[in-house]
N, C-alpha and C. Protein backbone atom coordinates (compact mmCIF):
# COMPACT_ATOMS: atom_id res chain seq x y z
N UNK A 1 146.32 133.82 194.89
CA UNK A 1 146.99 134.95 194.33
C UNK A 1 145.70 135.65 193.45
N UNK A 2 145.96 136.90 193.44
CA UNK A 2 145.00 137.80 192.67
C UNK A 2 145.48 138.16 191.45
N UNK A 3 144.63 138.20 190.23
CA UNK A 3 145.34 138.62 188.99
C UNK A 3 144.46 139.69 188.61
N UNK A 4 144.90 140.79 188.72
CA UNK A 4 144.17 141.94 187.82
C UNK A 4 143.95 141.90 186.40
N UNK A 5 143.16 141.80 185.94
CA UNK A 5 143.28 141.60 184.41
C UNK A 5 143.50 142.99 183.62
N UNK A 6 143.35 143.95 184.35
CA UNK A 6 143.38 145.19 183.87
C UNK A 6 145.13 145.56 183.74
N UNK A 7 145.66 144.52 184.35
CA UNK A 7 147.26 144.67 184.38
C UNK A 7 148.06 143.88 183.49
N UNK A 8 147.19 142.97 182.91
CA UNK A 8 147.49 141.92 182.31
C UNK A 8 147.48 141.82 180.73
N UNK A 9 148.63 141.08 179.88
CA UNK A 9 148.27 141.43 178.46
C UNK A 9 147.11 140.48 177.74
N UNK A 10 146.91 140.44 176.99
CA UNK A 10 145.76 139.43 176.16
C UNK A 10 146.30 138.03 176.48
N UNK A 11 147.36 137.90 176.00
CA UNK A 11 147.89 136.35 175.96
C UNK A 11 148.17 135.61 177.58
N UNK A 12 148.14 136.94 178.68
CA UNK A 12 148.30 136.19 179.79
C UNK A 12 146.70 135.83 180.49
N UNK A 13 146.05 137.22 180.11
CA UNK A 13 144.53 136.49 180.38
C UNK A 13 144.33 135.20 179.82
N UNK A 14 144.49 135.14 178.59
CA UNK A 14 143.72 133.92 177.91
C UNK A 14 144.66 132.46 178.80
N UNK A 15 145.63 132.43 178.98
CA UNK A 15 146.79 131.35 179.72
C UNK A 15 145.75 131.23 181.17
N UNK A 16 145.28 132.43 181.76
CA UNK A 16 144.42 131.97 182.94
C UNK A 16 143.47 131.39 182.83
N UNK A 17 142.65 131.75 181.89
CA UNK A 17 141.15 131.65 181.71
C UNK A 17 141.33 130.16 180.93
N UNK A 18 142.24 129.81 180.12
CA UNK A 18 142.20 128.52 179.53
C UNK A 18 142.60 127.64 180.57
N UNK A 19 143.30 127.97 181.29
CA UNK A 19 144.03 126.88 182.21
C UNK A 19 143.25 126.63 183.50
N UNK A 20 141.94 127.24 183.64
CA UNK A 20 140.90 126.98 184.90
C UNK A 20 139.52 126.99 184.07
N UNK A 21 139.18 127.34 183.28
CA UNK A 21 137.52 127.21 182.90
C UNK A 21 137.55 126.10 181.98
N UNK A 22 137.28 125.04 182.50
CA UNK A 22 137.32 123.64 181.91
C UNK A 22 136.82 122.41 182.77
N UNK A 23 136.54 121.24 182.16
CA UNK A 23 136.61 121.17 180.91
C UNK A 23 135.88 121.94 179.75
N UNK A 24 136.08 122.06 178.66
CA UNK A 24 135.40 122.58 177.76
C UNK A 24 134.96 122.29 176.40
N UNK A 25 133.96 121.85 176.22
CA UNK A 25 133.30 121.18 174.93
C UNK A 25 133.97 121.65 173.39
N UNK A 26 134.40 120.62 172.89
CA UNK A 26 135.11 121.04 171.46
C UNK A 26 133.75 120.87 170.25
N UNK A 27 133.82 122.11 169.59
CA UNK A 27 132.80 122.61 168.49
C UNK A 27 133.75 122.30 167.03
N UNK A 28 133.40 121.06 166.72
CA UNK A 28 133.83 120.86 165.32
C UNK A 28 133.47 121.63 164.12
N UNK A 29 133.36 122.59 163.65
CA UNK A 29 132.54 123.53 162.83
C UNK A 29 133.07 123.18 161.54
N UNK A 30 132.03 122.58 160.54
CA UNK A 30 132.34 122.63 159.27
C UNK A 30 131.48 123.90 158.48
N UNK A 31 131.74 124.50 157.52
CA UNK A 31 131.38 125.65 156.82
C UNK A 31 131.81 125.57 155.31
N UNK A 32 130.96 126.53 154.68
CA UNK A 32 131.14 126.34 153.05
C UNK A 32 131.46 127.83 152.95
N UNK A 33 132.33 128.31 151.84
CA UNK A 33 132.25 129.78 151.37
C UNK A 33 131.32 129.68 150.30
N UNK A 34 131.00 131.08 150.04
CA UNK A 34 129.81 131.19 149.23
C UNK A 34 130.27 130.74 147.66
N UNK A 35 131.51 130.31 147.57
CA UNK A 35 131.88 129.37 146.36
C UNK A 35 131.94 128.01 146.36
N UNK A 36 131.45 127.40 148.00
CA UNK A 36 131.29 126.34 147.90
C UNK A 36 132.65 125.61 148.29
N UNK A 37 133.60 126.58 148.83
CA UNK A 37 134.73 125.74 149.68
C UNK A 37 134.44 125.40 150.86
N UNK A 38 134.87 123.84 151.13
CA UNK A 38 134.49 123.65 152.48
C UNK A 38 135.74 123.93 153.44
N UNK A 39 135.46 123.85 154.79
CA UNK A 39 136.23 124.14 156.05
C UNK A 39 135.78 123.62 157.22
N UNK A 40 137.10 123.20 157.75
CA UNK A 40 136.30 122.36 159.17
C UNK A 40 137.68 123.14 160.25
N UNK A 41 137.13 123.03 161.34
CA UNK A 41 138.27 123.73 162.27
C UNK A 41 137.64 123.42 163.68
N UNK A 42 138.22 123.08 164.63
CA UNK A 42 138.02 122.90 166.23
C UNK A 42 138.18 124.31 166.66
N UNK A 43 137.09 124.54 167.99
CA UNK A 43 136.83 125.48 168.87
C UNK A 43 136.74 125.21 169.86
N UNK A 44 137.22 125.58 171.07
CA UNK A 44 136.68 125.09 172.70
C UNK A 44 136.24 126.40 173.31
N UNK A 45 136.31 127.34 172.76
CA UNK A 45 135.50 128.52 173.22
C UNK A 45 133.84 128.52 172.91
N UNK A 46 133.03 127.77 173.51
CA UNK A 46 131.86 126.81 172.78
C UNK A 46 131.04 126.43 174.11
N UNK A 47 129.78 126.59 173.86
CA UNK A 47 128.59 125.94 174.91
C UNK A 47 127.49 126.05 174.22
N UNK A 48 126.07 125.68 174.85
CA UNK A 48 124.94 125.87 174.46
C UNK A 48 124.33 126.78 175.42
N UNK A 49 123.51 127.53 175.28
CA UNK A 49 123.40 128.90 176.07
C UNK A 49 121.68 129.08 176.08
N UNK A 50 120.95 128.31 175.48
CA UNK A 50 119.56 128.40 175.24
C UNK A 50 118.91 127.10 174.86
N UNK A 51 117.94 126.53 175.31
CA UNK A 51 117.02 125.45 175.03
C UNK A 51 115.63 126.25 173.96
N UNK A 52 115.33 127.54 174.43
CA UNK A 52 114.06 128.23 173.79
C UNK A 52 114.47 129.51 173.40
N UNK A 53 115.06 129.99 172.35
CA UNK A 53 115.09 129.51 171.18
C UNK A 53 116.56 128.17 171.37
N UNK A 54 116.88 127.22 170.67
CA UNK A 54 117.88 126.53 170.74
C UNK A 54 119.46 127.39 170.33
N UNK A 55 119.89 127.65 171.03
CA UNK A 55 121.33 128.48 171.06
C UNK A 55 122.48 128.21 171.41
N UNK A 56 123.37 128.01 170.71
CA UNK A 56 125.06 127.60 170.78
C UNK A 56 125.81 128.97 170.29
N UNK A 57 126.58 129.04 171.27
CA UNK A 57 127.93 130.12 170.59
C UNK A 57 128.97 129.65 170.65
N UNK A 58 130.01 130.25 169.55
CA UNK A 58 131.17 130.07 169.41
C UNK A 58 132.24 131.23 169.67
N UNK A 59 133.32 131.11 170.20
CA UNK A 59 134.05 132.33 170.13
C UNK A 59 135.20 132.20 169.22
N UNK A 60 135.45 132.93 167.99
CA UNK A 60 136.07 132.62 167.17
C UNK A 60 137.41 133.86 166.99
N UNK A 61 138.38 133.41 167.33
CA UNK A 61 139.62 134.28 167.35
C UNK A 61 139.98 134.61 165.63
N UNK A 62 141.17 135.62 165.70
CA UNK A 62 141.36 136.02 164.39
C UNK A 62 142.80 135.20 164.13
N UNK A 63 143.37 135.46 162.88
CA UNK A 63 144.55 134.58 162.51
C UNK A 63 145.38 135.82 162.01
N UNK A 64 146.58 135.96 162.21
CA UNK A 64 147.43 136.95 161.88
C UNK A 64 146.61 138.57 161.52
N UNK A 65 145.51 138.83 162.37
CA UNK A 65 144.87 140.00 162.32
C UNK A 65 143.75 139.78 161.48
N UNK A 66 143.41 138.88 160.52
CA UNK A 66 142.66 138.68 159.96
C UNK A 66 141.67 137.52 160.60
N UNK A 67 140.47 137.72 159.80
CA UNK A 67 139.27 136.95 160.27
C UNK A 67 139.84 135.29 160.05
N UNK A 68 139.42 134.27 160.82
CA UNK A 68 139.78 132.88 160.32
C UNK A 68 138.53 132.76 159.47
N UNK A 69 138.69 131.55 158.69
CA UNK A 69 137.80 131.12 157.43
C UNK A 69 136.46 130.63 157.98
N UNK A 70 136.51 130.35 159.21
CA UNK A 70 135.04 129.73 159.80
C UNK A 70 134.37 131.21 159.85
N UNK A 71 134.80 132.03 160.46
CA UNK A 71 134.28 133.32 160.75
C UNK A 71 133.59 134.01 159.63
N UNK A 72 134.48 133.96 158.95
CA UNK A 72 134.36 134.59 157.36
C UNK A 72 132.94 133.90 156.50
N UNK A 73 133.04 132.54 156.65
CA UNK A 73 132.11 131.76 155.96
C UNK A 73 130.83 132.03 156.99
N UNK A 74 130.77 131.81 157.95
CA UNK A 74 129.66 132.14 158.71
C UNK A 74 128.71 133.62 158.19
N UNK A 75 129.81 134.66 158.43
CA UNK A 75 129.30 136.00 157.96
C UNK A 75 128.75 135.83 156.78
N UNK A 76 129.45 135.18 156.04
CA UNK A 76 128.96 135.74 154.51
C UNK A 76 127.72 134.59 154.38
N UNK A 77 127.84 133.37 154.64
CA UNK A 77 126.52 132.41 154.34
C UNK A 77 125.71 132.24 155.47
N UNK A 78 125.91 132.59 156.55
CA UNK A 78 124.76 132.37 157.62
C UNK A 78 124.56 130.87 158.12
N UNK A 79 125.36 129.85 157.62
CA UNK A 79 125.16 128.36 158.28
C UNK A 79 126.61 127.80 158.72
N UNK A 80 126.29 126.78 159.25
CA UNK A 80 127.38 126.37 159.80
C UNK A 80 127.14 124.89 160.70
N UNK A 81 127.73 123.93 160.83
CA UNK A 81 127.49 122.83 161.52
C UNK A 81 128.50 122.66 162.58
N UNK A 82 127.83 122.70 163.63
CA UNK A 82 128.77 122.12 164.75
C UNK A 82 128.87 120.65 165.08
N UNK A 83 129.97 119.63 164.97
CA UNK A 83 129.85 118.45 165.40
C UNK A 83 131.25 118.32 166.47
N UNK A 84 130.42 117.47 167.49
CA UNK A 84 131.19 116.95 168.42
C UNK A 84 132.10 116.15 168.18
N UNK A 85 132.94 115.97 169.22
CA UNK A 85 134.49 114.89 169.09
C UNK A 85 134.29 114.03 169.91
N UNK A 86 134.44 113.00 169.64
CA UNK A 86 134.61 111.96 170.48
C UNK A 86 136.31 111.31 170.46
N UNK A 87 136.56 110.52 171.37
CA UNK A 87 137.89 110.06 171.63
C UNK A 87 138.29 109.14 170.38
N UNK A 88 137.38 108.76 169.69
CA UNK A 88 137.79 107.88 168.44
C UNK A 88 138.20 108.67 167.24
N UNK A 89 138.07 109.92 167.16
CA UNK A 89 138.14 110.85 166.03
C UNK A 89 138.94 111.93 166.54
N UNK A 90 139.54 111.59 167.75
CA UNK A 90 140.10 113.30 168.28
C UNK A 90 141.35 113.45 167.39
N UNK A 91 142.09 112.37 166.99
CA UNK A 91 143.19 112.63 166.18
C UNK A 91 143.11 113.57 164.73
N UNK A 92 141.86 113.07 164.18
CA UNK A 92 141.76 113.48 162.66
C UNK A 92 141.15 115.25 163.26
N UNK A 93 140.57 115.18 164.05
CA UNK A 93 140.30 116.89 164.78
C UNK A 93 141.24 117.32 164.81
N UNK A 94 142.35 116.71 165.31
CA UNK A 94 143.65 117.73 165.56
C UNK A 94 144.13 118.03 164.24
N UNK A 95 144.14 117.21 162.99
CA UNK A 95 144.63 117.30 161.60
C UNK A 95 143.64 118.40 161.34
N UNK A 96 142.68 119.12 161.51
CA UNK A 96 142.07 120.07 161.09
C UNK A 96 142.38 121.00 161.90
N UNK A 97 142.93 121.17 162.90
CA UNK A 97 143.30 122.35 163.64
C UNK A 97 144.53 122.88 163.04
N UNK A 98 144.86 122.20 162.25
CA UNK A 98 146.37 123.03 161.46
C UNK A 98 145.81 124.04 160.68
N UNK A 99 146.94 124.81 160.53
CA UNK A 99 146.54 126.53 160.19
C UNK A 99 146.96 126.41 158.33
N UNK A 100 146.04 125.89 158.01
CA UNK A 100 146.04 125.60 156.68
C UNK A 100 145.50 126.89 156.00
N UNK A 101 145.76 127.09 154.70
CA UNK A 101 145.36 128.44 154.04
C UNK A 101 143.70 127.85 153.60
N UNK A 102 142.89 129.04 153.17
CA UNK A 102 141.73 129.09 152.78
C UNK A 102 141.43 128.30 151.75
N UNK A 103 142.60 127.96 150.76
CA UNK A 103 142.04 127.03 149.41
C UNK A 103 142.08 125.61 149.78
N UNK A 104 142.57 125.21 151.20
CA UNK A 104 142.56 123.68 151.73
C UNK A 104 141.44 123.32 152.42
N UNK A 105 141.26 122.24 151.49
CA UNK A 105 139.84 121.46 152.17
C UNK A 105 140.25 120.45 153.59
N UNK A 106 140.55 121.03 154.53
CA UNK A 106 140.86 120.33 155.90
C UNK A 106 140.06 118.78 156.15
N UNK A 107 139.00 118.87 155.62
CA UNK A 107 138.36 117.61 155.73
C UNK A 107 138.80 116.16 154.70
N UNK A 108 139.40 116.79 153.55
CA UNK A 108 140.25 116.10 152.96
C UNK A 108 141.35 115.56 153.10
N UNK A 109 142.10 116.59 154.04
CA UNK A 109 143.28 116.24 154.53
C UNK A 109 143.46 115.53 155.78
N UNK A 110 142.31 115.36 156.38
CA UNK A 110 141.90 114.33 157.69
C UNK A 110 141.30 112.91 157.22
N UNK A 111 141.16 112.94 155.81
CA UNK A 111 140.34 111.98 155.74
C UNK A 111 139.08 111.51 156.26
N UNK A 112 138.30 112.75 155.96
CA UNK A 112 136.83 112.49 156.83
C UNK A 112 135.67 112.39 155.57
N UNK A 113 134.99 111.65 155.86
CA UNK A 113 133.66 111.54 155.11
C UNK A 113 132.90 112.34 155.65
N UNK A 114 131.90 112.96 154.74
CA UNK A 114 130.87 113.79 155.24
C UNK A 114 129.51 113.10 154.91
N UNK A 115 128.35 113.56 155.60
CA UNK A 115 126.84 113.24 155.27
C UNK A 115 126.34 114.45 155.19
N UNK A 116 125.25 114.60 154.12
CA UNK A 116 124.59 115.91 153.70
C UNK A 116 123.65 116.20 155.32
N UNK A 117 123.85 117.65 155.15
CA UNK A 117 122.54 118.13 156.36
C UNK A 117 121.41 118.30 155.84
N UNK A 118 120.42 118.47 156.57
CA UNK A 118 119.03 118.45 155.96
C UNK A 118 118.21 119.89 155.78
N UNK A 119 119.04 120.70 156.62
CA UNK A 119 118.86 122.04 156.84
C UNK A 119 119.44 123.20 156.39
N UNK A 120 120.58 122.91 156.24
CA UNK A 120 121.66 123.86 156.00
C UNK A 120 122.78 123.34 154.71
N UNK A 121 123.35 124.08 153.91
CA UNK A 121 124.47 123.63 152.94
C UNK A 121 125.47 123.07 153.44
N UNK A 122 125.94 123.32 154.48
CA UNK A 122 127.52 122.52 154.86
C UNK A 122 127.52 121.29 155.28
N UNK A 123 127.88 120.50 155.06
CA UNK A 123 127.80 118.92 155.26
C UNK A 123 128.03 118.54 156.82
N UNK A 124 127.73 117.41 157.52
CA UNK A 124 128.20 117.45 158.67
C UNK A 124 129.23 116.03 158.56
N UNK A 125 130.20 115.84 159.88
CA UNK A 125 130.97 114.83 159.73
C UNK A 125 130.74 113.88 160.05
N UNK A 126 130.75 112.65 158.99
CA UNK A 126 129.63 111.54 159.47
C UNK A 126 130.19 110.83 160.53
N UNK A 127 131.77 110.59 160.95
CA UNK A 127 132.00 110.02 162.02
C UNK A 127 131.85 110.66 163.45
N UNK A 128 131.25 111.75 163.36
CA UNK A 128 131.10 112.44 164.56
C UNK A 128 129.85 112.04 165.11
N UNK A 129 129.79 111.55 166.31
CA UNK A 129 128.75 111.26 166.77
C UNK A 129 127.36 111.90 167.09
N UNK A 130 127.79 113.09 167.09
CA UNK A 130 126.50 114.44 167.42
C UNK A 130 127.01 115.43 166.39
N UNK A 131 125.90 116.08 165.59
CA UNK A 131 126.11 117.04 164.64
C UNK A 131 124.98 117.82 164.72
N UNK A 132 125.07 119.14 165.00
CA UNK A 132 124.33 119.97 164.99
C UNK A 132 124.15 121.28 163.95
N UNK A 133 123.09 121.08 162.81
CA UNK A 133 122.78 122.11 161.80
C UNK A 133 122.66 123.38 162.30
N UNK A 134 122.88 124.52 162.09
CA UNK A 134 123.09 125.85 162.95
C UNK A 134 122.93 126.92 161.88
N UNK A 135 122.02 128.04 161.84
CA UNK A 135 121.98 128.98 161.17
C UNK A 135 122.20 130.16 162.29
N UNK A 136 123.36 131.07 161.60
CA UNK A 136 123.52 132.61 162.16
C UNK A 136 122.47 133.51 162.68
N UNK A 137 122.62 133.76 164.18
CA UNK A 137 121.53 134.61 164.49
C UNK A 137 122.04 136.09 164.64
N UNK A 138 123.28 136.03 165.34
CA UNK A 138 124.02 137.53 164.91
C UNK A 138 125.84 136.97 165.45
N UNK A 139 126.19 138.03 165.18
CA UNK A 139 127.74 137.90 165.48
C UNK A 139 128.23 139.18 166.14
N UNK A 140 128.81 139.04 167.53
CA UNK A 140 129.63 140.20 168.15
C UNK A 140 130.81 140.50 168.12
N UNK A 141 131.06 141.56 167.52
CA UNK A 141 132.97 141.71 167.35
C UNK A 141 132.81 142.12 168.93
N UNK A 142 133.71 141.26 169.68
CA UNK A 142 134.15 141.82 170.72
C UNK A 142 135.68 142.41 171.19
N UNK A 143 136.43 142.46 170.12
CA UNK A 143 137.27 143.28 169.93
C UNK A 143 138.26 142.98 168.60
N UNK A 144 139.07 143.37 168.58
CA UNK A 144 139.99 143.00 167.45
C UNK A 144 140.39 141.68 166.78
N UNK A 145 140.46 141.06 167.92
CA UNK A 145 140.82 139.62 167.42
C UNK A 145 139.74 138.66 167.88
N UNK A 146 138.54 139.01 168.25
CA UNK A 146 137.52 137.95 168.81
C UNK A 146 136.18 138.12 168.44
N UNK A 147 135.42 137.21 167.83
CA UNK A 147 134.24 137.35 167.67
C UNK A 147 133.17 136.11 168.30
N UNK A 148 132.05 136.82 168.67
CA UNK A 148 131.20 135.49 169.33
C UNK A 148 129.97 135.25 168.08
N UNK A 149 130.09 134.20 167.57
CA UNK A 149 128.99 133.90 166.88
C UNK A 149 127.61 133.20 167.90
N UNK A 150 126.48 133.58 167.53
CA UNK A 150 125.70 133.10 168.22
C UNK A 150 124.68 132.49 167.14
N UNK A 151 124.64 131.22 167.11
CA UNK A 151 123.84 130.48 166.38
C UNK A 151 122.30 129.74 166.65
N UNK A 152 121.28 129.78 165.96
CA UNK A 152 120.13 128.65 166.34
C UNK A 152 120.46 127.33 165.76
N UNK A 153 120.24 126.33 166.76
CA UNK A 153 120.06 125.02 166.09
C UNK A 153 118.95 124.33 165.61
N UNK A 154 118.88 124.17 164.07
CA UNK A 154 117.58 124.04 163.40
C UNK A 154 117.63 122.56 163.53
N UNK A 155 118.40 121.61 163.91
CA UNK A 155 118.39 120.35 163.68
C UNK A 155 119.73 119.31 164.65
N UNK A 156 119.30 118.52 165.08
CA UNK A 156 120.60 117.46 165.39
C UNK A 156 120.62 116.34 165.06
N UNK A 157 121.90 115.73 164.45
CA UNK A 157 122.18 114.03 164.14
C UNK A 157 122.47 113.54 165.52
N UNK A 158 122.37 112.27 165.47
CA UNK A 158 123.08 111.64 166.69
C UNK A 158 122.92 110.28 166.12
N UNK A 159 124.32 109.41 166.38
CA UNK A 159 124.22 108.18 165.99
C UNK A 159 123.27 107.01 166.54
N UNK A 160 122.69 106.43 165.65
CA UNK A 160 121.41 105.68 166.14
C UNK A 160 122.11 104.70 167.56
N UNK A 161 123.11 104.26 167.65
CA UNK A 161 123.44 103.41 168.56
C UNK A 161 123.66 104.20 169.98
N UNK A 162 123.56 105.38 170.07
CA UNK A 162 123.40 106.55 171.16
C UNK A 162 122.05 106.78 171.66
N UNK A 163 121.23 106.59 171.00
CA UNK A 163 119.63 106.84 170.95
C UNK A 163 119.36 105.87 171.69
N UNK A 164 118.71 105.81 173.20
CA UNK A 164 118.20 104.58 173.64
C UNK A 164 116.59 104.73 173.48
N UNK A 165 116.06 106.32 173.63
CA UNK A 165 114.51 106.20 173.48
C UNK A 165 114.43 107.35 172.39
N UNK A 166 114.13 107.39 170.95
CA UNK A 166 113.98 108.30 170.36
C UNK A 166 112.63 109.16 170.74
N UNK A 167 111.66 108.79 171.24
CA UNK A 167 110.45 109.24 171.41
C UNK A 167 110.35 110.21 172.42
N UNK A 168 111.31 109.65 173.55
CA UNK A 168 111.54 110.53 174.76
C UNK A 168 112.70 111.44 174.58
N UNK A 169 113.56 111.17 173.77
CA UNK A 169 114.64 112.04 173.53
C UNK A 169 115.89 111.78 174.45
N UNK A 170 115.89 110.42 174.71
CA UNK A 170 116.79 109.77 176.14
C UNK A 170 118.14 109.26 174.84
N UNK A 171 119.19 109.88 175.33
CA UNK A 171 120.26 109.79 174.91
C UNK A 171 121.25 108.97 175.76
N UNK A 172 122.06 108.05 175.48
CA UNK A 172 123.03 107.39 176.02
C UNK A 172 124.36 108.24 176.14
N UNK A 173 124.38 109.09 176.99
CA UNK A 173 125.73 110.09 176.93
C UNK A 173 126.93 109.59 177.16
N UNK A 174 127.35 108.51 177.87
CA UNK A 174 128.24 107.94 177.99
C UNK A 174 129.12 107.40 176.72
N UNK A 175 128.09 106.56 176.20
CA UNK A 175 128.26 105.97 174.80
C UNK A 175 128.82 106.70 173.78
N UNK A 176 128.57 108.32 173.79
CA UNK A 176 129.35 109.08 173.18
C UNK A 176 130.61 109.10 172.78
N UNK A 177 131.22 108.86 173.87
CA UNK A 177 132.70 109.01 174.14
C UNK A 177 133.28 110.33 173.78
N UNK A 178 132.75 111.50 174.31
CA UNK A 178 132.70 112.81 174.01
C UNK A 178 134.22 113.14 174.88
N UNK A 179 134.91 113.84 174.10
CA UNK A 179 136.37 114.53 175.07
C UNK A 179 136.35 116.15 174.90
N UNK A 180 137.02 116.69 175.63
CA UNK A 180 136.99 118.25 176.24
C UNK A 180 138.16 118.75 176.09
N UNK A 181 138.22 119.96 175.90
CA UNK A 181 139.81 120.67 176.14
C UNK A 181 139.87 120.91 177.26
N UNK A 182 141.38 120.63 177.54
CA UNK A 182 141.57 121.07 179.09
C UNK A 182 142.97 122.38 178.85
N UNK A 183 143.97 122.36 179.75
CA UNK A 183 144.91 123.19 179.86
C UNK A 183 145.86 122.97 178.61
N UNK A 184 146.69 124.08 178.44
CA UNK A 184 147.98 123.76 177.59
C UNK A 184 147.64 123.87 176.24
N UNK A 185 148.45 123.26 175.27
CA UNK A 185 148.61 123.40 173.81
C UNK A 185 147.60 121.75 173.51
N UNK A 186 147.96 121.09 174.26
CA UNK A 186 147.27 119.44 173.78
C UNK A 186 147.00 118.74 174.57
N UNK A 187 146.26 119.27 175.80
CA UNK A 187 145.68 118.41 176.79
C UNK A 187 144.17 118.19 176.52
N UNK A 188 143.79 117.48 176.67
CA UNK A 188 142.17 116.89 176.41
C UNK A 188 141.90 115.96 177.59
N UNK A 189 140.48 115.76 178.05
CA UNK A 189 139.73 115.49 179.15
C UNK A 189 138.64 114.21 178.22
N UNK A 190 138.73 112.89 178.82
CA UNK A 190 137.77 111.92 178.75
C UNK A 190 136.56 112.09 179.54
N UNK A 191 135.68 112.00 179.02
CA UNK A 191 134.00 111.41 180.11
C UNK A 191 133.66 110.44 180.34
N UNK A 192 134.96 109.90 180.98
CA UNK A 192 134.40 108.32 181.01
C UNK A 192 134.69 108.37 182.75
N UNK A 193 135.33 109.30 183.40
CA UNK A 193 135.24 109.27 184.76
C UNK A 193 134.35 110.21 185.43
N UNK A 194 133.24 109.47 185.76
CA UNK A 194 131.76 110.48 185.87
C UNK A 194 131.63 109.79 187.38
N UNK A 195 130.49 110.86 188.02
CA UNK A 195 129.87 110.45 188.97
C UNK A 195 128.85 111.11 189.16
N UNK A 196 127.69 110.79 189.97
CA UNK A 196 126.48 110.84 190.00
C UNK A 196 125.92 112.06 191.15
N UNK A 197 125.61 112.92 190.72
CA UNK A 197 125.01 113.77 192.21
C UNK A 197 123.94 114.52 191.57
N UNK A 198 122.70 113.62 192.19
CA UNK A 198 121.25 114.52 191.74
C UNK A 198 120.93 115.62 192.51
N UNK A 199 120.30 116.65 192.03
CA UNK A 199 119.84 117.88 192.59
C UNK A 199 118.85 117.85 193.73
N UNK A 200 119.02 118.40 194.47
CA UNK A 200 118.20 118.32 195.72
C UNK A 200 116.79 118.93 195.74
N UNK A 201 115.62 118.58 195.99
CA UNK A 201 114.45 119.28 196.31
C UNK A 201 114.54 119.80 197.03
N UNK A 202 113.77 121.14 197.32
CA UNK A 202 113.54 122.04 198.72
C UNK A 202 112.96 120.99 199.40
N UNK A 203 111.99 120.58 199.40
CA UNK A 203 111.35 119.56 200.77
C UNK A 203 112.36 118.33 201.22
N UNK A 204 112.97 117.68 200.41
CA UNK A 204 113.70 116.97 201.11
C UNK A 204 115.04 117.62 201.71
N UNK A 205 115.34 118.74 201.26
CA UNK A 205 116.29 119.37 202.36
C UNK A 205 116.21 119.85 203.63
N UNK A 206 114.71 120.39 203.52
CA UNK A 206 114.10 120.83 204.59
C UNK A 206 113.83 119.44 205.72
N UNK A 207 113.49 118.59 204.95
CA UNK A 207 113.37 117.56 205.86
C UNK A 207 114.73 117.00 206.55
N UNK A 208 115.66 117.20 205.73
CA UNK A 208 116.86 116.63 206.39
C UNK A 208 117.54 117.73 207.30
N UNK A 209 117.13 119.06 207.19
CA UNK A 209 117.63 120.07 208.23
C UNK A 209 116.42 120.64 208.80
N UNK A 210 115.98 120.20 209.56
CA UNK A 210 114.92 120.97 210.18
C UNK A 210 115.02 122.11 211.62
N UNK A 211 116.25 121.77 211.87
CA UNK A 211 116.79 122.75 212.48
C UNK A 211 116.97 124.13 212.31
N UNK A 212 117.41 124.01 210.84
CA UNK A 212 117.98 125.38 210.02
C UNK A 212 116.53 126.01 209.59
N UNK A 213 115.84 125.15 209.43
CA UNK A 213 114.30 125.45 209.12
C UNK A 213 113.76 126.37 209.86
N UNK A 214 113.68 125.96 211.20
CA UNK A 214 113.15 126.75 212.30
C UNK A 214 113.89 127.97 212.70
N UNK A 215 115.42 127.86 212.27
CA UNK A 215 116.09 129.23 212.60
C UNK A 215 115.64 130.13 211.68
N UNK A 216 115.39 130.08 210.30
CA UNK A 216 114.81 130.92 209.28
C UNK A 216 113.24 131.34 209.67
N UNK A 217 112.64 130.52 210.14
CA UNK A 217 110.99 130.83 210.51
C UNK A 217 111.12 131.79 211.82
N UNK A 218 112.10 131.69 212.82
CA UNK A 218 112.26 132.36 213.93
C UNK A 218 112.42 133.76 213.37
N UNK A 219 113.47 133.82 212.43
CA UNK A 219 114.38 134.94 211.95
C UNK A 219 113.33 135.69 211.33
N UNK A 220 112.15 135.28 210.59
CA UNK A 220 111.40 135.99 209.90
C UNK A 220 109.93 136.62 210.80
N UNK A 221 109.76 135.99 211.92
CA UNK A 221 109.09 136.10 212.54
C UNK A 221 109.41 137.24 213.36
N UNK A 222 110.79 137.83 213.57
CA UNK A 222 111.03 139.00 214.41
C UNK A 222 111.37 140.11 214.09
């Protein structure tokens, strides 16, 4: 069935995209206001987009027409920490998704301990298995209700028991136990049901399909 987005309301476009573009990793973002008020909130419009420079992007919506605390703090201070969410801390992440006012410290409401960052002022969430210290590169205003935050990763923290070889940067990814956002208002996915499918080298493919290679060579000679 075709859905022409030009004919759909924004809410309907959201439902279609959020129900099909998944699973989506969760950025559990900690920021501070210029006055030092802490804020924590999860966002699933999130992913990595470059390794050189190391870049992550966040899509942050508005709340009742006003910028969310996270977007406002990043705009004013230029710093934020992206914490990744394991199944063990998923319920506390969900507490920080409550739309508290800007005067409320979501970290305290969820009973979360923090640890100091080394490159930025906002702290990281101590129980999160991975934390990315980030600096704002730019913010793109995509419309009246959505901002795209582009941030450069300055440092990464990974729990020691999930690091296989620090010198080689080998990580025991399954041990992180990360969860991802799925469809609807409350569905999530575990990262435990995995399968391995290595990428295919061109030479290996040609060795397995010599007939196809011969057809292509004949085509090029015509």
